[in-house]
Amino acid sequence: MAKTMAITDQCPMEVGLNILSGKWKLRILWHVSKGPVRFNELQRLLGAITTKTLTSQLRELEEQGIVRRTVYPETPPKVEYTLTELGETIQPVLKALCDWGTNYQKAL
């Protein structure tokens, strides 16, 4: 059985890729980076994502300290997702990726 490495012992590129890996995380972060977003709104923005997958991806991002889940004591319950202070540090990366994608589209 393989031992798990402490995050501080891993290659920084691997750490970043592990956090952002998957079909949905970058898209989720893109929408959450624009401001507070509710679960159903996020699901509509993403399109084909299932409720189970979105819940799972948001929980992972929350556990990693990237996304904050805020529950408002209302009826019906209101839940919003925002970037944490640490999560906001990914915004330049998201912008650079968007800019690169725009340039790539123009080049084609």
N, C-alpha and C. Protein backbone atom coordinates (compact mmCIF):
# COMPACT_ATOMS: atom_id res chain seq x y z
N MET A 1 0.84 -1.17 0.00
CA MET A 1 0.00 0.00 0.00
C MET A 1 0.89 1.24 0.00
N ALA A 2 0.60 2.16 -0.88
CA ALA A 2 1.41 3.37 -1.01
C ALA A 2 1.12 4.34 0.13
N LYS A 3 2.17 5.01 0.55
CA LYS A 3 2.00 6.03 1.58
C LYS A 3 1.59 7.34 0.91
N THR A 4 0.76 8.09 1.58
CA THR A 4 0.39 9.39 1.05
C THR A 4 1.43 10.41 1.50
N MET A 5 1.80 11.27 0.57
CA MET A 5 2.80 12.30 0.86
C MET A 5 2.11 13.51 1.46
N ALA A 6 2.80 14.15 2.39
CA ALA A 6 2.29 15.41 2.93
C ALA A 6 2.26 16.43 1.81
N ILE A 7 1.29 17.31 1.83
CA ILE A 7 1.14 18.29 0.75
C ILE A 7 2.40 19.14 0.59
N THR A 8 3.12 19.37 1.68
CA THR A 8 4.34 20.18 1.62
C THR A 8 5.49 19.43 0.95
N ASP A 9 5.38 18.10 0.84
CA ASP A 9 6.42 17.30 0.20
C ASP A 9 6.17 17.06 -1.28
N GLN A 10 5.01 17.48 -1.77
CA GLN A 10 4.66 17.25 -3.16
C GLN A 10 5.16 18.38 -4.05
N CYS A 11 5.29 18.09 -5.32
CA CYS A 11 5.63 19.10 -6.31
C CYS A 11 4.51 20.14 -6.34
N PRO A 12 4.83 21.43 -6.29
CA PRO A 12 3.78 22.47 -6.28
C PRO A 12 2.85 22.37 -7.49
N MET A 13 3.37 22.00 -8.65
CA MET A 13 2.52 21.87 -9.84
C MET A 13 1.50 20.76 -9.63
N GLU A 14 1.93 19.65 -9.02
CA GLU A 14 1.01 18.54 -8.74
C GLU A 14 -0.09 18.98 -7.77
N VAL A 15 0.28 19.74 -6.77
CA VAL A 15 -0.70 20.22 -5.79
C VAL A 15 -1.78 21.04 -6.50
N GLY A 16 -1.34 21.98 -7.33
CA GLY A 16 -2.28 22.82 -8.07
C GLY A 16 -3.16 22.00 -9.00
N LEU A 17 -2.56 21.07 -9.72
CA LEU A 17 -3.34 20.24 -10.64
C LEU A 17 -4.32 19.34 -9.90
N ASN A 18 -3.92 18.83 -8.75
CA ASN A 18 -4.83 17.99 -7.97
C ASN A 18 -6.04 18.77 -7.47
N ILE A 19 -5.83 20.01 -7.10
CA ILE A 19 -6.94 20.84 -6.62
C ILE A 19 -7.87 21.21 -7.77
N LEU A 20 -7.31 21.51 -8.92
CA LEU A 20 -8.10 22.00 -10.05
C LEU A 20 -8.52 20.91 -11.03
N SER A 21 -8.13 19.68 -10.76
CA SER A 21 -8.41 18.61 -11.71
C SER A 21 -9.90 18.29 -11.78
N GLY A 22 -10.28 17.74 -12.88
CA GLY A 22 -11.67 17.36 -13.08
C GLY A 22 -12.33 18.25 -14.12
N LYS A 23 -13.42 17.77 -14.61
CA LYS A 23 -14.13 18.45 -15.68
C LYS A 23 -14.76 19.77 -15.24
N TRP A 24 -15.13 19.90 -13.97
CA TRP A 24 -15.98 21.00 -13.53
C TRP A 24 -15.32 22.06 -12.68
N LYS A 25 -14.23 21.74 -11.98
CA LYS A 25 -13.73 22.67 -10.96
C LYS A 25 -13.34 24.04 -11.51
N LEU A 26 -12.66 24.08 -12.63
CA LEU A 26 -12.28 25.38 -13.18
C LEU A 26 -13.51 26.18 -13.58
N ARG A 27 -14.50 25.53 -14.13
CA ARG A 27 -15.73 26.23 -14.52
C ARG A 27 -16.48 26.72 -13.28
N ILE A 28 -16.51 25.90 -12.24
CA ILE A 28 -17.15 26.31 -10.98
C ILE A 28 -16.43 27.54 -10.43
N LEU A 29 -15.11 27.48 -10.36
CA LEU A 29 -14.33 28.59 -9.83
C LEU A 29 -14.51 29.85 -10.66
N TRP A 30 -14.63 29.71 -11.97
CA TRP A 30 -14.83 30.87 -12.84
C TRP A 30 -16.12 31.60 -12.45
N HIS A 31 -17.19 30.86 -12.26
CA HIS A 31 -18.48 31.48 -11.92
C HIS A 31 -18.48 32.02 -10.49
N VAL A 32 -17.89 31.29 -9.56
CA VAL A 32 -17.85 31.74 -8.16
C VAL A 32 -16.94 32.96 -8.02
N SER A 33 -15.93 33.08 -8.87
CA SER A 33 -15.00 34.22 -8.78
C SER A 33 -15.67 35.54 -9.15
N LYS A 34 -16.82 35.49 -9.78
CA LYS A 34 -17.52 36.71 -10.18
C LYS A 34 -18.38 37.28 -9.05
N GLY A 35 -18.48 36.56 -7.95
CA GLY A 35 -19.27 37.03 -6.81
C GLY A 35 -20.10 35.91 -6.24
N PRO A 36 -20.81 36.19 -5.14
CA PRO A 36 -21.61 35.14 -4.49
C PRO A 36 -22.61 34.52 -5.47
N VAL A 37 -22.71 33.21 -5.41
CA VAL A 37 -23.63 32.49 -6.30
C VAL A 37 -24.32 31.40 -5.51
N ARG A 38 -25.62 31.24 -5.77
CA ARG A 38 -26.41 30.21 -5.10
C ARG A 38 -26.29 28.90 -5.86
N PHE A 39 -26.56 27.80 -5.18
CA PHE A 39 -26.37 26.47 -5.75
C PHE A 39 -27.14 26.30 -7.06
N ASN A 40 -28.44 26.59 -7.04
CA ASN A 40 -29.25 26.38 -8.25
C ASN A 40 -28.81 27.28 -9.40
N GLU A 41 -28.42 28.49 -9.08
CA GLU A 41 -27.92 29.40 -10.11
C GLU A 41 -26.64 28.84 -10.73
N LEU A 42 -25.76 28.34 -9.88
CA LEU A 42 -24.51 27.75 -10.36
C LEU A 42 -24.79 26.54 -11.24
N GLN A 43 -25.74 25.73 -10.84
CA GLN A 43 -26.09 24.55 -11.63
C GLN A 43 -26.63 24.96 -13.00
N ARG A 44 -27.44 26.00 -13.05
CA ARG A 44 -27.96 26.50 -14.34
C ARG A 44 -26.83 27.03 -15.21
N LEU A 45 -25.89 27.77 -14.61
CA LEU A 45 -24.77 28.33 -15.36
C LEU A 45 -23.89 27.24 -15.96
N LEU A 46 -23.75 26.14 -15.25
CA LEU A 46 -22.87 25.06 -15.70
C LEU A 46 -23.53 24.14 -16.72
N GLY A 47 -24.84 24.10 -16.73
CA GLY A 47 -25.54 23.30 -17.73
C GLY A 47 -25.68 21.83 -17.36
N ALA A 48 -24.86 20.97 -17.94
CA ALA A 48 -25.06 19.52 -17.88
C ALA A 48 -24.58 18.85 -16.59
N ILE A 49 -24.17 19.59 -15.60
CA ILE A 49 -23.67 18.98 -14.36
C ILE A 49 -24.85 18.46 -13.53
N THR A 50 -24.65 17.29 -12.92
CA THR A 50 -25.68 16.73 -12.05
C THR A 50 -25.59 17.37 -10.67
N THR A 51 -26.67 17.29 -9.93
CA THR A 51 -26.70 17.82 -8.56
C THR A 51 -25.65 17.13 -7.71
N LYS A 52 -25.53 15.82 -7.85
CA LYS A 52 -24.57 15.04 -7.07
C LYS A 52 -23.14 15.48 -7.37
N THR A 53 -22.82 15.65 -8.65
CA THR A 53 -21.46 16.05 -9.03
C THR A 53 -21.15 17.45 -8.53
N LEU A 54 -22.08 18.38 -8.70
CA LEU A 54 -21.85 19.75 -8.24
C LEU A 54 -21.65 19.78 -6.73
N THR A 55 -22.47 19.06 -6.02
CA THR A 55 -22.34 18.99 -4.56
C THR A 55 -20.97 18.46 -4.18
N SER A 56 -20.54 17.40 -4.83
CA SER A 56 -19.25 16.77 -4.55
C SER A 56 -18.09 17.73 -4.83
N GLN A 57 -18.13 18.38 -5.98
CA GLN A 57 -17.06 19.30 -6.37
C GLN A 57 -17.00 20.50 -5.41
N LEU A 58 -18.15 21.04 -5.04
CA LEU A 58 -18.17 22.16 -4.11
C LEU A 58 -17.65 21.75 -2.73
N ARG A 59 -18.00 20.56 -2.29
CA ARG A 59 -17.50 20.08 -0.99
C ARG A 59 -15.97 19.94 -1.01
N GLU A 60 -15.44 19.40 -2.12
CA GLU A 60 -13.99 19.27 -2.23
C GLU A 60 -13.32 20.65 -2.19
N LEU A 61 -13.85 21.59 -2.94
CA LEU A 61 -13.28 22.94 -2.96
C LEU A 61 -13.40 23.60 -1.59
N GLU A 62 -14.47 23.31 -0.87
CA GLU A 62 -14.65 23.85 0.48
C GLU A 62 -13.63 23.22 1.44
N GLU A 63 -13.44 21.91 1.35
CA GLU A 63 -12.46 21.22 2.21
C GLU A 63 -11.04 21.70 1.93
N GLN A 64 -10.77 22.09 0.69
CA GLN A 64 -9.44 22.56 0.31
C GLN A 64 -9.22 24.03 0.64
N GLY A 65 -10.27 24.68 1.17
CA GLY A 65 -10.15 26.07 1.58
C GLY A 65 -10.23 27.07 0.44
N ILE A 66 -10.78 26.66 -0.70
CA ILE A 66 -10.87 27.52 -1.87
C ILE A 66 -12.22 28.24 -1.93
N VAL A 67 -13.28 27.52 -1.55
CA VAL A 67 -14.64 28.05 -1.61
C VAL A 67 -15.25 28.07 -0.22
N ARG A 68 -16.04 29.11 0.04
CA ARG A 68 -16.74 29.24 1.33
C ARG A 68 -18.23 29.04 1.07
N ARG A 69 -18.85 28.24 1.91
CA ARG A 69 -20.29 27.99 1.85
C ARG A 69 -20.93 28.73 3.01
N THR A 70 -21.85 29.64 2.69
CA THR A 70 -22.53 30.42 3.71
C THR A 70 -24.00 30.06 3.70
N VAL A 71 -24.50 29.61 4.86
CA VAL A 71 -25.91 29.25 5.00
C VAL A 71 -26.60 30.37 5.77
N TYR A 72 -27.67 30.90 5.19
CA TYR A 72 -28.45 31.96 5.83
C TYR A 72 -29.66 31.32 6.51
N PRO A 73 -29.91 31.66 7.78
CA PRO A 73 -31.02 31.05 8.52
C PRO A 73 -32.37 31.60 8.08
N GLU A 74 -32.83 31.14 6.94
CA GLU A 74 -34.11 31.57 6.39
C GLU A 74 -34.93 30.33 6.04
N THR A 75 -36.19 30.57 5.74
CA THR A 75 -37.03 29.50 5.22
C THR A 75 -37.59 29.97 3.89
N PRO A 76 -37.30 29.29 2.81
CA PRO A 76 -36.43 28.13 2.68
C PRO A 76 -34.96 28.54 2.87
N PRO A 77 -34.11 27.58 3.21
CA PRO A 77 -32.70 27.88 3.45
C PRO A 77 -32.05 28.52 2.22
N LYS A 78 -31.19 29.48 2.48
CA LYS A 78 -30.44 30.15 1.41
C LYS A 78 -28.97 29.84 1.62
N VAL A 79 -28.32 29.33 0.58
CA VAL A 79 -26.90 28.98 0.64
C VAL A 79 -26.19 29.69 -0.50
N GLU A 80 -25.09 30.36 -0.18
CA GLU A 80 -24.28 31.03 -1.20
C GLU A 80 -22.85 30.51 -1.14
N TYR A 81 -22.22 30.52 -2.30
CA TYR A 81 -20.82 30.11 -2.42
C TYR A 81 -20.00 31.30 -2.88
N THR A 82 -18.87 31.51 -2.23
CA THR A 82 -17.94 32.57 -2.59
C THR A 82 -16.53 32.02 -2.48
N LEU A 83 -15.57 32.75 -3.02
CA LEU A 83 -14.17 32.37 -2.86
C LEU A 83 -13.69 32.81 -1.47
N THR A 84 -12.86 32.00 -0.87
CA THR A 84 -12.21 32.39 0.38
C THR A 84 -11.07 33.35 0.03
N GLU A 85 -10.42 33.86 1.03
CA GLU A 85 -9.25 34.72 0.79
C GLU A 85 -8.19 33.95 0.00
N LEU A 86 -7.98 32.70 0.37
CA LEU A 86 -7.04 31.86 -0.36
C LEU A 86 -7.54 31.60 -1.77
N GLY A 87 -8.84 31.35 -1.91
CA GLY A 87 -9.43 31.09 -3.21
C GLY A 87 -9.31 32.28 -4.16
N GLU A 88 -9.35 33.48 -3.62
CA GLU A 88 -9.23 34.66 -4.46
C GLU A 88 -7.87 34.76 -5.13
N THR A 89 -6.87 34.10 -4.57
CA THR A 89 -5.54 34.14 -5.18
C THR A 89 -5.50 33.37 -6.50
N ILE A 90 -6.54 32.62 -6.82
CA ILE A 90 -6.58 31.90 -8.09
C ILE A 90 -7.12 32.77 -9.23
N GLN A 91 -7.69 33.93 -8.90
CA GLN A 91 -8.28 34.78 -9.93
C GLN A 91 -7.31 35.16 -11.05
N PRO A 92 -6.05 35.52 -10.78
CA PRO A 92 -5.13 35.81 -11.88
C PRO A 92 -4.90 34.60 -12.80
N VAL A 93 -4.91 33.42 -12.22
CA VAL A 93 -4.74 32.20 -13.02
C VAL A 93 -5.95 32.00 -13.92
N LEU A 94 -7.15 32.19 -13.39
CA LEU A 94 -8.37 32.06 -14.18
C LEU A 94 -8.40 33.09 -15.30
N LYS A 95 -8.01 34.33 -14.99
CA LYS A 95 -7.98 35.38 -16.01
C LYS A 95 -6.97 35.05 -17.09
N ALA A 96 -5.79 34.59 -16.70
CA ALA A 96 -4.76 34.23 -17.68
C ALA A 96 -5.24 33.10 -18.58
N LEU A 97 -5.93 32.13 -18.02
CA LEU A 97 -6.46 31.01 -18.80
C LEU A 97 -7.53 31.51 -19.77
N CYS A 98 -8.38 32.42 -19.32
CA CYS A 98 -9.41 33.01 -20.18
C CYS A 98 -8.77 33.81 -21.31
N ASP A 99 -7.77 34.62 -20.98
CA ASP A 99 -7.06 35.40 -22.01
C ASP A 99 -6.40 34.49 -23.03
N TRP A 100 -5.77 33.42 -22.55
CA TRP A 100 -5.13 32.48 -23.45
C TRP A 100 -6.16 31.84 -24.38
N GLY A 101 -7.30 31.44 -23.82
CA GLY A 101 -8.37 30.85 -24.62
C GLY A 101 -8.89 31.81 -25.68
N THR A 102 -9.02 33.09 -25.32
CA THR A 102 -9.45 34.11 -26.27
C THR A 102 -8.45 34.24 -27.42
N ASN A 103 -7.16 34.31 -27.07
CA ASN A 103 -6.12 34.41 -28.08
C ASN A 103 -6.07 33.18 -28.96
N TYR A 104 -6.28 32.03 -28.38
CA TYR A 104 -6.29 30.78 -29.14
C TYR A 104 -7.45 30.77 -30.15
N GLN A 105 -8.62 31.23 -29.70
CA GLN A 105 -9.77 31.30 -30.60
C GLN A 105 -9.49 32.22 -31.78
N LYS A 106 -8.87 33.36 -31.50
CA LYS A 106 -8.54 34.31 -32.56
C LYS A 106 -7.52 33.72 -33.53
N ALA A 107 -6.57 32.95 -33.00
CA ALA A 107 -5.52 32.35 -33.85
C ALA A 107 -6.08 31.31 -34.80
N LEU A 108 -7.18 30.68 -34.44
CA LEU A 108 -7.78 29.68 -35.31
C LEU A 108 -8.56 30.39 -36.38
